[in-house]
Amino acid sequence: MTQRATKRPEEFKKPAHWTNDPAPKPQAAKEQADPDGLSPTRYGDWVRKGIAVDF
């Protein structure tokens, strides 16, 4: 069985954009009024020219 590498090679240089900071927490979703009626993400159907379309 081949051993797994636990260290980077000596010649490896860390890119300038790498950081050890944790990823930022996601922001809460904002509720927005739907100007065309019911939200398709909530009810599962889009209405286009009077016809319900389900993806």
Protein backbone atom coordinates (compact mmCIF):
# COMPACT_ATOMS: atom_id res chain seq x y z
CA MET A 1 0.00 0.00 0.00
CA THR A 2 1.32 3.44 -0.94
CA GLN A 3 1.62 5.90 1.91
CA ARG A 4 -0.33 9.10 1.65
CA ALA A 5 1.68 12.31 1.42
CA THR A 6 1.32 14.40 4.57
CA LYS A 7 3.61 17.28 3.60
CA ARG A 8 3.82 19.46 0.53
CA PRO A 9 6.93 19.25 -1.62
CA GLU A 10 9.78 21.61 -0.68
CA GLU A 11 9.40 23.58 -3.94
CA PHE A 12 5.70 24.32 -3.28
CA LYS A 13 4.93 28.03 -2.80
CA LYS A 14 1.62 29.10 -1.34
CA PRO A 15 -0.35 31.40 -3.71
CA ALA A 16 -0.74 34.98 -2.46
CA HIS A 17 -4.56 34.70 -2.29
CA TRP A 18 -4.52 31.69 0.07
CA THR A 19 -5.43 32.41 3.69
CA ASN A 20 -5.95 30.46 6.90
CA ASP A 21 -9.03 32.51 7.81
CA PRO A 22 -12.29 30.52 8.01
CA ALA A 23 -14.86 31.02 5.26
CA PRO A 24 -17.43 33.76 6.01
CA LYS A 25 -20.84 32.69 7.28
CA PRO A 26 -23.59 32.89 4.65
CA GLN A 27 -26.05 35.74 4.97
CA ALA A 28 -29.69 34.98 5.66
CA ALA A 29 -32.00 35.08 2.63
CA LYS A 30 -34.16 38.18 2.34
CA GLU A 31 -37.86 37.84 1.67
CA GLN A 32 -38.95 39.91 -1.32
CA ALA A 33 -42.44 40.56 -2.57
CA ASP A 34 -43.18 38.75 -5.85
CA PRO A 35 -44.67 41.37 -8.22
CA ASP A 36 -46.21 38.71 -10.50
CA GLY A 37 -48.01 36.70 -7.83
CA LEU A 38 -47.09 33.47 -6.06
CA SER A 39 -43.46 32.52 -5.82
CA PRO A 40 -42.62 29.59 -8.16
CA THR A 41 -39.90 28.38 -5.80
CA ARG A 42 -42.53 28.00 -3.09
CA TYR A 43 -45.38 26.57 -5.14
CA GLY A 44 -43.43 24.71 -7.85
CA ASP A 45 -45.04 26.26 -10.96
CA TRP A 46 -44.31 29.27 -13.12
CA VAL A 47 -47.20 31.01 -14.85
CA ARG A 48 -46.36 32.41 -18.28
CA LYS A 49 -49.13 34.06 -20.32
CA GLY A 50 -51.78 32.25 -18.31
CA ILE A 51 -50.21 28.79 -18.68
CA ALA A 52 -48.62 26.99 -15.71
CA VAL A 53 -45.16 25.65 -16.57
CA ASP A 54 -43.51 23.10 -14.31
CA PHE A 55 -39.78 22.54 -14.75
